[in-house]
């Protein structure tokens, strides 16, 4: 029996995952990752890294991060505490949805996760205080491949739902996109 309900999102490859609870008087079990369920929708790699983030302040933005090929990674992003506006940007060369943005509310209450394939930038905004996320990645972090887009890049027009309260120096220093940006060639 699957405990993950998986739905297509408007950008090809992005998936919304709804975690089904198994509950009783002790509490609940929530499956965060199931290789068989995810393989059926395109997850073909093993997990190389698991990250846990904690974000204190409402309005904080983390992102928009990605890694250059060959270190591009797919990820499953789970919100286990609080509520975040999770954002993915298609950076795939030749994609009909190149530079399109999708935002999705992930929370401990709705139990949604997002499967973000290789070739996307990712970030989120904390909608409440004290948010925690767990990410499953198909590739380990490689500092030499680490890249990012500006959260406020006018070419992306990301609509952040809360006033922005905090952004790291690193995330503020990502360059703005130019028309010469061709995207990520994953071949």
N, C-alpha and C. Protein backbone atom coordinates (compact mmCIF):
# COMPACT_ATOMS: atom_id res chain seq x y z
N UNK A 1 0.84 -1.19 0.00
CA UNK A 1 0.00 0.00 0.00
C UNK A 1 0.89 1.25 0.00
N UNK A 2 0.62 2.16 -0.91
CA UNK A 2 1.40 3.38 -0.99
C UNK A 2 0.95 4.37 0.07
N UNK A 3 1.91 5.02 0.69
CA UNK A 3 1.60 6.09 1.64
C UNK A 3 1.96 7.45 1.07
N UNK A 4 2.25 7.47 -0.25
CA UNK A 4 2.55 8.71 -0.94
C UNK A 4 1.59 8.86 -2.12
N UNK A 5 0.82 9.92 -2.12
CA UNK A 5 -0.03 10.25 -3.26
C UNK A 5 0.73 11.28 -4.09
N UNK A 6 1.01 10.95 -5.36
CA UNK A 6 1.86 11.78 -6.20
C UNK A 6 1.04 12.36 -7.35
N UNK A 7 1.15 13.68 -7.53
CA UNK A 7 0.40 14.39 -8.56
C UNK A 7 1.35 15.24 -9.40
N UNK A 8 1.06 15.32 -10.71
CA UNK A 8 1.83 16.18 -11.62
C UNK A 8 1.55 17.64 -11.31
N UNK A 9 2.57 18.48 -11.43
CA UNK A 9 2.42 19.92 -11.31
C UNK A 9 2.53 20.54 -12.70
N UNK A 10 2.24 21.83 -12.86
CA UNK A 10 2.20 22.45 -14.20
C UNK A 10 3.52 22.42 -14.99
N UNK A 11 4.66 22.32 -14.32
CA UNK A 11 5.94 22.25 -15.04
C UNK A 11 6.36 20.78 -15.10
N UNK A 12 6.63 20.29 -16.30
CA UNK A 12 6.98 18.88 -16.51
C UNK A 12 8.11 18.45 -15.59
N UNK A 13 7.91 17.34 -14.91
CA UNK A 13 8.91 16.79 -14.01
C UNK A 13 8.67 17.12 -12.56
N UNK A 14 8.07 18.29 -12.28
CA UNK A 14 7.75 18.64 -10.88
C UNK A 14 6.58 17.81 -10.41
N UNK A 15 6.66 17.33 -9.19
CA UNK A 15 5.59 16.50 -8.62
C UNK A 15 5.23 17.00 -7.23
N UNK A 16 3.95 16.95 -6.93
CA UNK A 16 3.46 17.21 -5.59
C UNK A 16 3.24 15.87 -4.92
N UNK A 17 3.77 15.72 -3.72
CA UNK A 17 3.63 14.47 -2.97
C UNK A 17 2.81 14.78 -1.73
N UNK A 18 1.75 14.01 -1.53
CA UNK A 18 0.96 14.14 -0.30
C UNK A 18 1.23 12.90 0.55
N UNK A 19 1.78 13.15 1.73
CA UNK A 19 2.10 12.05 2.63
C UNK A 19 0.83 11.60 3.36
N UNK A 20 0.51 10.33 3.25
CA UNK A 20 -0.66 9.78 3.92
C UNK A 20 -0.26 9.32 5.32
N UNK A 21 -1.02 9.72 6.33
CA UNK A 21 -0.70 9.35 7.71
C UNK A 21 -1.27 7.99 8.06
N UNK A 22 -0.53 7.28 8.85
CA UNK A 22 -1.06 6.08 9.52
C UNK A 22 -1.12 6.48 10.99
N UNK A 23 -2.34 6.65 11.50
CA UNK A 23 -2.55 7.20 12.84
C UNK A 23 -3.26 6.23 13.75
N UNK A 24 -2.93 6.32 15.02
CA UNK A 24 -3.70 5.64 16.07
C UNK A 24 -3.54 6.45 17.35
N UNK A 25 -3.94 5.89 18.47
CA UNK A 25 -3.92 6.66 19.73
C UNK A 25 -2.51 7.00 20.22
N UNK A 26 -1.48 6.39 19.65
CA UNK A 26 -0.09 6.71 20.02
C UNK A 26 0.43 7.93 19.30
N UNK A 27 -0.13 8.21 18.11
CA UNK A 27 0.37 9.28 17.26
C UNK A 27 0.26 8.88 15.81
N UNK A 28 1.31 9.14 15.01
CA UNK A 28 1.23 8.81 13.59
C UNK A 28 2.59 8.42 13.03
N UNK A 29 2.53 7.80 11.86
CA UNK A 29 3.69 7.51 11.03
C UNK A 29 3.45 8.22 9.70
N UNK A 30 4.43 8.96 9.23
CA UNK A 30 4.35 9.65 7.95
C UNK A 30 5.58 9.28 7.15
N UNK A 31 5.39 8.67 6.00
CA UNK A 31 6.51 8.28 5.16
C UNK A 31 7.01 9.50 4.39
N UNK A 32 8.30 9.79 4.51
CA UNK A 32 8.90 10.94 3.83
C UNK A 32 9.48 10.57 2.47
N UNK A 33 9.81 9.30 2.29
CA UNK A 33 10.46 8.87 1.05
C UNK A 33 10.18 7.39 0.85
N UNK A 34 9.82 7.00 -0.37
CA UNK A 34 9.61 5.59 -0.71
C UNK A 34 10.10 5.38 -2.14
N UNK A 35 11.20 4.68 -2.31
CA UNK A 35 11.84 4.54 -3.61
C UNK A 35 10.92 3.92 -4.65
N UNK A 36 10.11 2.94 -4.28
CA UNK A 36 9.21 2.31 -5.25
C UNK A 36 8.19 3.30 -5.80
N UNK A 37 7.58 4.08 -4.92
CA UNK A 37 6.60 5.08 -5.36
C UNK A 37 7.26 6.14 -6.24
N UNK A 38 8.42 6.62 -5.84
CA UNK A 38 9.08 7.70 -6.56
C UNK A 38 9.71 7.22 -7.86
N UNK A 39 10.17 5.98 -7.91
CA UNK A 39 10.72 5.44 -9.16
C UNK A 39 9.65 5.42 -10.25
N UNK A 40 8.41 5.21 -9.86
CA UNK A 40 7.33 5.16 -10.85
C UNK A 40 7.06 6.52 -11.49
N UNK A 41 7.59 7.60 -10.89
CA UNK A 41 7.40 8.94 -11.46
C UNK A 41 8.74 9.60 -11.83
N UNK A 42 9.79 8.79 -12.00
CA UNK A 42 11.02 9.31 -12.55
C UNK A 42 12.21 9.44 -11.62
N UNK A 43 12.09 9.11 -10.35
CA UNK A 43 13.25 9.17 -9.44
C UNK A 43 14.07 7.92 -9.71
N UNK A 44 15.26 8.11 -10.31
CA UNK A 44 16.06 6.96 -10.73
C UNK A 44 17.37 6.79 -9.98
N UNK A 45 17.67 7.68 -9.07
CA UNK A 45 18.95 7.65 -8.37
C UNK A 45 18.77 7.28 -6.91
N UNK A 46 19.87 6.91 -6.31
CA UNK A 46 19.85 6.67 -4.86
C UNK A 46 19.97 8.01 -4.14
N UNK A 47 19.72 7.99 -2.86
CA UNK A 47 19.87 9.19 -2.04
C UNK A 47 21.35 9.33 -1.69
N UNK A 48 21.92 10.48 -2.02
CA UNK A 48 23.34 10.73 -1.74
C UNK A 48 23.52 11.61 -0.51
N UNK A 49 22.48 12.37 -0.16
CA UNK A 49 22.60 13.30 0.96
C UNK A 49 21.21 13.64 1.49
N UNK A 50 21.10 13.80 2.81
CA UNK A 50 19.87 14.25 3.44
C UNK A 50 20.20 15.49 4.26
N UNK A 51 19.46 16.57 4.04
CA UNK A 51 19.68 17.82 4.77
C UNK A 51 18.45 18.16 5.59
N UNK A 52 18.69 18.81 6.72
CA UNK A 52 17.64 19.27 7.62
C UNK A 52 17.88 20.75 7.86
N UNK A 53 16.89 21.60 7.53
CA UNK A 53 17.04 23.03 7.78
C UNK A 53 16.04 23.49 8.84
N UNK A 54 16.45 24.49 9.58
CA UNK A 54 15.58 25.16 10.55
C UNK A 54 15.65 26.65 10.23
N UNK A 55 14.50 27.28 10.07
CA UNK A 55 14.43 28.71 9.76
C UNK A 55 13.60 29.38 10.83
N UNK A 56 14.22 30.31 11.55
CA UNK A 56 13.59 30.94 12.71
C UNK A 56 12.50 31.95 12.37
N UNK A 57 12.78 32.85 11.43
CA UNK A 57 11.94 34.04 11.26
C UNK A 57 11.00 33.95 10.06
N UNK A 58 9.76 34.31 10.28
CA UNK A 58 8.78 34.43 9.20
C UNK A 58 9.29 35.44 8.18
N UNK A 59 9.11 35.13 6.89
CA UNK A 59 9.54 36.02 5.82
C UNK A 59 10.94 35.74 5.30
N UNK A 60 11.71 34.91 6.01
CA UNK A 60 13.07 34.56 5.57
C UNK A 60 12.99 33.79 4.26
N UNK A 61 13.91 34.13 3.34
CA UNK A 61 14.02 33.39 2.08
C UNK A 61 15.36 32.69 2.06
N UNK A 62 15.35 31.43 1.65
CA UNK A 62 16.55 30.65 1.37
C UNK A 62 16.47 30.25 -0.09
N UNK A 63 17.48 30.60 -0.87
CA UNK A 63 17.47 30.20 -2.26
C UNK A 63 17.76 31.39 -3.15
N UNK A 64 17.79 31.13 -4.36
CA UNK A 64 17.35 30.04 -5.23
C UNK A 64 18.60 29.24 -5.64
N UNK A 65 18.76 28.04 -5.14
CA UNK A 65 19.99 27.27 -5.29
C UNK A 65 19.88 26.17 -6.34
N UNK A 66 21.02 25.88 -6.97
CA UNK A 66 21.14 24.74 -7.87
C UNK A 66 22.61 24.39 -8.00
N UNK A 67 22.89 23.22 -8.58
CA UNK A 67 24.27 22.82 -8.86
C UNK A 67 24.41 22.59 -10.36
N UNK A 68 25.55 23.07 -10.90
CA UNK A 68 25.84 22.86 -12.31
C UNK A 68 26.05 21.38 -12.60
N UNK A 69 25.70 20.93 -13.83
CA UNK A 69 26.02 19.57 -14.24
C UNK A 69 27.54 19.37 -14.20
N UNK A 70 28.04 18.22 -13.91
CA UNK A 70 27.29 16.96 -13.76
C UNK A 70 26.77 16.73 -12.34
N UNK A 71 26.75 17.75 -11.53
CA UNK A 71 26.34 17.59 -10.13
C UNK A 71 24.91 18.05 -9.86
N UNK A 72 24.14 18.29 -10.92
CA UNK A 72 22.73 18.64 -10.73
C UNK A 72 22.06 17.52 -9.97
N UNK A 73 21.16 17.90 -9.08
CA UNK A 73 20.51 16.87 -8.28
C UNK A 73 19.00 17.03 -8.28
N UNK A 74 18.34 15.89 -8.19
CA UNK A 74 16.91 15.87 -7.92
C UNK A 74 16.76 15.89 -6.41
N UNK A 75 15.62 16.38 -5.95
CA UNK A 75 15.41 16.40 -4.50
C UNK A 75 13.95 16.23 -4.18
N UNK A 76 13.70 15.69 -3.01
CA UNK A 76 12.36 15.67 -2.42
C UNK A 76 12.44 16.55 -1.19
N UNK A 77 11.58 17.58 -1.16
CA UNK A 77 11.58 18.56 -0.08
C UNK A 77 10.34 18.32 0.78
N UNK A 78 10.57 18.10 2.08
CA UNK A 78 9.50 17.83 3.03
C UNK A 78 9.48 18.90 4.11
N UNK A 79 8.32 19.49 4.37
CA UNK A 79 8.16 20.42 5.49
C UNK A 79 7.61 19.61 6.67
N UNK A 80 8.39 19.53 7.74
CA UNK A 80 7.96 18.74 8.89
C UNK A 80 7.52 19.59 10.08
N UNK A 81 7.77 20.91 9.98
CA UNK A 81 7.34 21.82 11.03
C UNK A 81 7.10 23.19 10.41
N UNK A 82 5.97 23.77 10.69
CA UNK A 82 5.67 25.10 10.18
C UNK A 82 5.05 25.07 8.81
N UNK A 83 5.36 26.12 8.03
CA UNK A 83 4.74 26.31 6.72
C UNK A 83 5.67 27.14 5.86
N UNK A 84 5.95 26.67 4.63
CA UNK A 84 6.82 27.40 3.72
C UNK A 84 6.18 27.52 2.35
N UNK A 85 6.58 28.58 1.62
CA UNK A 85 6.24 28.71 0.21
C UNK A 85 7.46 28.19 -0.54
N UNK A 86 7.34 27.02 -1.13
CA UNK A 86 8.44 26.33 -1.78
C UNK A 86 8.40 26.66 -3.27
N UNK A 87 9.56 27.03 -3.84
CA UNK A 87 9.60 27.53 -5.21
C UNK A 87 10.65 26.76 -6.02
N UNK A 88 10.26 26.37 -7.24
CA UNK A 88 11.17 25.72 -8.18
C UNK A 88 11.15 26.50 -9.49
N UNK A 89 12.33 26.66 -10.11
CA UNK A 89 12.47 27.36 -11.38
C UNK A 89 13.13 26.41 -12.38
N UNK A 90 12.48 26.22 -13.52
CA UNK A 90 13.00 25.34 -14.57
C UNK A 90 14.19 26.00 -15.27
N UNK A 91 15.36 25.35 -15.19
CA UNK A 91 16.58 25.85 -15.83
C UNK A 91 17.07 24.92 -16.93
N UNK A 92 16.26 23.97 -17.35
CA UNK A 92 16.68 22.96 -18.32
C UNK A 92 16.75 23.53 -19.74
N UNK A 93 17.92 23.34 -20.37
CA UNK A 93 18.10 23.78 -21.75
C UNK A 93 17.03 23.12 -22.62
N UNK A 94 16.40 23.93 -23.46
CA UNK A 94 15.41 23.40 -24.40
C UNK A 94 14.06 23.07 -23.82
N UNK A 95 13.86 23.26 -22.54
CA UNK A 95 12.57 22.94 -21.92
C UNK A 95 11.52 23.94 -22.38
N UNK A 96 10.32 23.48 -22.71
CA UNK A 96 9.26 24.42 -23.09
C UNK A 96 8.83 25.33 -21.93
N UNK A 97 9.22 24.97 -20.72
CA UNK A 97 8.89 25.79 -19.54
C UNK A 97 10.14 26.44 -18.95
N UNK A 98 11.17 26.65 -19.78
CA UNK A 98 12.41 27.27 -19.35
C UNK A 98 12.13 28.60 -18.64
N UNK A 99 12.69 28.76 -17.45
CA UNK A 99 12.57 29.92 -16.57
C UNK A 99 11.18 30.13 -15.99
N UNK A 100 10.30 29.16 -16.16
CA UNK A 100 8.99 29.25 -15.49
C UNK A 100 9.15 28.88 -14.03
N UNK A 101 8.32 29.49 -13.22
CA UNK A 101 8.38 29.36 -11.76
C UNK A 101 7.12 28.66 -11.27
N UNK A 102 7.30 27.76 -10.31
CA UNK A 102 6.14 27.16 -9.63
C UNK A 102 6.35 27.30 -8.12
N UNK A 103 5.35 27.84 -7.45
CA UNK A 103 5.36 27.94 -6.00
C UNK A 103 4.29 27.05 -5.41
N UNK A 104 4.59 26.46 -4.25
CA UNK A 104 3.68 25.50 -3.62
C UNK A 104 3.77 25.64 -2.11
N UNK A 105 2.63 25.69 -1.45
CA UNK A 105 2.61 25.72 0.01
C UNK A 105 2.88 24.32 0.54
N UNK A 106 3.93 24.18 1.34
CA UNK A 106 4.25 22.92 2.03
C UNK A 106 4.14 23.20 3.52
N UNK A 107 3.50 22.30 4.24
CA UNK A 107 3.35 22.53 5.68
C UNK A 107 3.25 21.22 6.43
N UNK A 108 3.42 21.32 7.73
CA UNK A 108 3.24 20.14 8.57
C UNK A 108 1.77 19.73 8.56
N UNK A 109 0.88 20.67 8.30
CA UNK A 109 -0.56 20.39 8.31
C UNK A 109 -1.02 19.73 7.02
N UNK A 110 -0.62 20.27 5.85
CA UNK A 110 -1.08 19.67 4.60
C UNK A 110 -0.26 18.44 4.20
N UNK A 111 0.91 18.26 4.82
CA UNK A 111 1.78 17.09 4.58
C UNK A 111 2.19 16.96 3.12
N UNK A 112 2.30 18.09 2.41
CA UNK A 112 2.77 18.07 1.04
C UNK A 112 4.29 18.14 1.01
N UNK A 113 4.85 17.48 0.02
CA UNK A 113 6.27 17.55 -0.30
C UNK A 113 6.35 17.84 -1.79
N UNK A 114 7.53 18.26 -2.23
CA UNK A 114 7.71 18.48 -3.66
C UNK A 114 8.91 17.69 -4.15
N UNK A 115 8.71 16.98 -5.26
CA UNK A 115 9.81 16.31 -5.96
C UNK A 115 10.26 17.27 -7.04
N UNK A 116 11.52 17.69 -6.94
CA UNK A 116 12.10 18.65 -7.88
C UNK A 116 13.17 17.92 -8.67
N UNK A 117 12.98 17.77 -9.99
CA UNK A 117 13.96 17.03 -10.77
C UNK A 117 15.26 17.80 -11.00
N UNK A 118 16.23 17.13 -11.57
CA UNK A 118 17.49 17.78 -11.94
C UNK A 118 17.18 18.92 -12.91
N UNK A 119 17.99 19.98 -12.80
CA UNK A 119 17.83 21.08 -13.73
C UNK A 119 16.92 22.20 -13.25
N UNK A 120 16.62 22.22 -11.97
CA UNK A 120 15.78 23.27 -11.39
C UNK A 120 16.55 23.99 -10.29
N UNK A 121 16.27 25.29 -10.15
CA UNK A 121 16.72 26.03 -8.97
C UNK A 121 15.61 25.89 -7.93
N UNK A 122 16.00 25.94 -6.65
CA UNK A 122 15.03 25.74 -5.57
C UNK A 122 15.27 26.73 -4.45
N UNK A 123 14.19 27.16 -3.85
CA UNK A 123 14.25 28.02 -2.67
C UNK A 123 12.91 28.03 -1.96
N UNK A 124 12.87 28.69 -0.82
CA UNK A 124 11.60 28.77 -0.10
C UNK A 124 11.57 30.00 0.78
N UNK A 125 10.35 30.37 1.19
CA UNK A 125 10.14 31.44 2.16
C UNK A 125 9.37 30.88 3.34
N UNK A 126 9.85 31.16 4.55
CA UNK A 126 9.15 30.74 5.76
C UNK A 126 7.90 31.59 5.93
N UNK A 127 6.76 30.93 6.01
CA UNK A 127 5.48 31.63 6.15
C UNK A 127 5.14 31.90 7.62
N UNK A 128 5.78 31.16 8.50
CA UNK A 128 5.59 31.31 9.94
C UNK A 128 6.96 31.18 10.59
N UNK A 129 7.05 31.43 11.87
CA UNK A 129 8.31 31.24 12.58
C UNK A 129 8.59 29.76 12.80
N UNK A 130 9.86 29.42 12.92
CA UNK A 130 10.32 28.09 13.31
C UNK A 130 9.88 26.98 12.35
N UNK A 131 10.38 27.07 11.12
CA UNK A 131 10.08 26.08 10.09
C UNK A 131 11.23 25.08 9.96
N UNK A 132 10.88 23.83 9.73
CA UNK A 132 11.89 22.79 9.51
C UNK A 132 11.57 22.02 8.25
N UNK A 133 12.62 21.81 7.44
CA UNK A 133 12.51 21.03 6.21
C UNK A 133 13.53 19.90 6.25
N UNK A 134 13.18 18.80 5.62
CA UNK A 134 14.11 17.70 5.37
C UNK A 134 14.13 17.48 3.86
N UNK A 135 15.35 17.47 3.29
CA UNK A 135 15.54 17.28 1.84
C UNK A 135 16.28 15.97 1.61
N UNK A 136 15.85 15.23 0.60
CA UNK A 136 16.58 14.06 0.11
C UNK A 136 17.16 14.43 -1.24
N UNK A 137 18.49 14.32 -1.41
CA UNK A 137 19.18 14.73 -2.63
C UNK A 137 19.80 13.52 -3.33
N UNK A 138 19.85 13.58 -4.67
CA UNK A 138 20.48 12.51 -5.45
C UNK A 138 21.98 12.73 -5.65
N UNK A 139 22.48 13.90 -5.27
CA UNK A 139 23.90 14.19 -5.41
C UNK A 139 24.37 14.95 -4.17
N UNK A 140 25.57 14.66 -3.74
CA UNK A 140 26.13 15.41 -2.61
C UNK A 140 26.43 16.84 -3.03
N UNK A 141 26.48 17.71 -2.05
CA UNK A 141 26.81 19.11 -2.28
C UNK A 141 28.25 19.22 -2.77
N UNK A 142 28.44 19.94 -3.87
CA UNK A 142 29.76 20.18 -4.45
C UNK A 142 29.99 21.68 -4.49
N UNK A 143 30.83 22.23 -3.62
CA UNK A 143 31.04 23.68 -3.59
C UNK A 143 31.43 24.29 -4.94
N UNK A 144 32.18 23.55 -5.75
CA UNK A 144 32.61 24.09 -7.04
C UNK A 144 31.46 24.18 -8.05
N UNK A 145 30.38 23.44 -7.82
CA UNK A 145 29.23 23.45 -8.72
C UNK A 145 28.08 24.29 -8.18
N UNK A 146 28.24 24.81 -6.97
CA UNK A 146 27.19 25.56 -6.29
C UNK A 146 26.88 26.87 -7.02
N UNK A 147 25.62 27.07 -7.34
CA UNK A 147 25.17 28.28 -8.04
C UNK A 147 23.83 28.74 -7.44
N UNK A 148 23.43 29.92 -7.86
CA UNK A 148 22.15 30.42 -7.39
C UNK A 148 21.62 31.53 -8.27
N UNK A 149 20.33 31.74 -8.15
CA UNK A 149 19.63 32.85 -8.80
C UNK A 149 19.18 33.79 -7.70
N UNK A 150 19.02 35.05 -8.05
CA UNK A 150 18.52 36.01 -7.07
C UNK A 150 17.04 35.76 -6.83
N UNK A 151 16.66 35.79 -5.58
CA UNK A 151 15.26 35.60 -5.18
C UNK A 151 14.35 36.69 -5.74
N UNK A 152 14.94 37.85 -6.06
CA UNK A 152 14.17 38.99 -6.55
C UNK A 152 14.51 39.34 -8.01
N UNK A 153 15.00 38.34 -8.76
CA UNK A 153 15.39 38.58 -10.14
C UNK A 153 14.16 39.00 -10.96
N UNK A 154 14.24 40.16 -11.62
CA UNK A 154 13.08 40.63 -12.38
C UNK A 154 12.68 39.71 -13.54
N UNK A 155 13.62 38.92 -14.07
CA UNK A 155 13.27 37.99 -15.16
C UNK A 155 12.40 36.85 -14.64
N UNK A 156 12.52 36.53 -13.36
CA UNK A 156 11.75 35.40 -12.81
C UNK A 156 10.39 35.84 -12.26
N UNK A 157 10.33 37.05 -11.75
CA UNK A 157 9.07 37.58 -11.20
C UNK A 157 8.46 36.63 -10.16
N UNK A 158 9.27 36.14 -9.24
CA UNK A 158 8.76 35.25 -8.19
C UNK A 158 7.89 36.08 -7.25
N UNK A 159 6.71 35.59 -7.00
CA UNK A 159 5.77 36.27 -6.11
C UNK A 159 5.89 35.65 -4.72
N UNK A 160 6.63 36.30 -3.84
CA UNK A 160 6.78 35.80 -2.47
C UNK A 160 5.58 36.29 -1.67
N UNK A 161 4.90 35.39 -0.95
CA UNK A 161 3.64 35.76 -0.29
C UNK A 161 3.78 36.67 0.93
N UNK A 162 4.92 36.65 1.60
CA UNK A 162 5.13 37.47 2.81
C UNK A 162 6.15 38.55 2.51
N UNK A 163 6.12 39.65 3.27
CA UNK A 163 7.23 40.60 3.16
C UNK A 163 8.55 39.89 3.47
N UNK A 164 9.58 40.20 2.69
CA UNK A 164 10.90 39.57 2.89
C UNK A 164 11.56 40.20 4.11
N UNK A 165 11.93 39.36 5.08
CA UNK A 165 12.54 39.86 6.32
C UNK A 165 14.02 39.56 6.42
N UNK A 166 14.48 38.45 5.83
CA UNK A 166 15.87 38.05 5.98
C UNK A 166 16.30 37.21 4.78
N UNK A 167 17.46 37.56 4.22
CA UNK A 167 18.07 36.81 3.13
C UNK A 167 19.57 36.81 3.41
N UNK A 168 20.23 35.69 3.27
CA UNK A 168 21.66 35.62 3.54
C UNK A 168 22.43 36.50 2.57
N UNK A 169 23.64 36.91 2.97
CA UNK A 169 24.51 37.68 2.07
C UNK A 169 24.79 36.90 0.80
N UNK A 170 25.01 35.60 0.96
CA UNK A 170 25.29 34.74 -0.20
C UNK A 170 24.13 34.79 -1.19
N UNK A 171 22.90 34.64 -0.69
CA UNK A 171 21.74 34.62 -1.58
C UNK A 171 21.47 35.99 -2.20
N UNK A 172 21.82 37.06 -1.51
CA UNK A 172 21.66 38.40 -2.08
C UNK A 172 22.70 38.70 -3.15
N UNK A 173 23.82 37.97 -3.11
CA UNK A 173 24.91 38.26 -4.04
C UNK A 173 24.84 37.46 -5.34
N UNK A 174 23.87 36.56 -5.49
CA UNK A 174 23.76 35.84 -6.76
C UNK A 174 23.52 36.85 -7.88
N UNK A 175 24.13 36.63 -9.05
CA UNK A 175 23.94 37.59 -10.15
C UNK A 175 22.52 37.52 -10.72
N UNK A 176 22.08 38.62 -11.27
CA UNK A 176 20.81 38.64 -11.99
C UNK A 176 20.98 37.90 -13.32
N UNK A 177 19.91 37.29 -13.77
CA UNK A 177 19.93 36.61 -15.06
C UNK A 177 20.06 37.63 -16.18
N UNK A 178 20.67 37.18 -17.27
CA UNK A 178 20.73 37.98 -18.49
C UNK A 178 20.13 37.15 -19.61
N UNK A 179 19.83 37.80 -20.70
CA UNK A 179 19.24 37.09 -21.87
C UNK A 179 20.21 36.04 -22.42
N UNK A 180 21.48 36.14 -22.08
CA UNK A 180 22.46 35.17 -22.59
C UNK A 180 22.46 33.86 -21.80
N UNK A 181 21.75 33.81 -20.66
CA UNK A 181 21.69 32.57 -19.88
C UNK A 181 20.94 31.50 -20.67
N UNK A 182 21.62 30.42 -20.97
CA UNK A 182 21.04 29.35 -21.79
C UNK A 182 20.43 28.23 -20.98
N UNK A 183 20.74 28.17 -19.68
CA UNK A 183 20.21 27.11 -18.86
C UNK A 183 21.20 26.00 -18.60
N UNK A 184 20.70 24.91 -18.06
CA UNK A 184 21.54 23.76 -17.69
C UNK A 184 21.35 22.63 -18.69
N UNK A 185 22.46 22.20 -19.28
CA UNK A 185 22.44 21.08 -20.21
C UNK A 185 22.72 19.82 -19.42
N UNK A 186 21.70 19.00 -19.23
CA UNK A 186 21.81 17.82 -18.37
C UNK A 186 22.29 16.58 -19.13
N UNK A 187 22.60 16.71 -20.41
CA UNK A 187 23.03 15.53 -21.20
C UNK A 187 24.48 15.22 -20.98
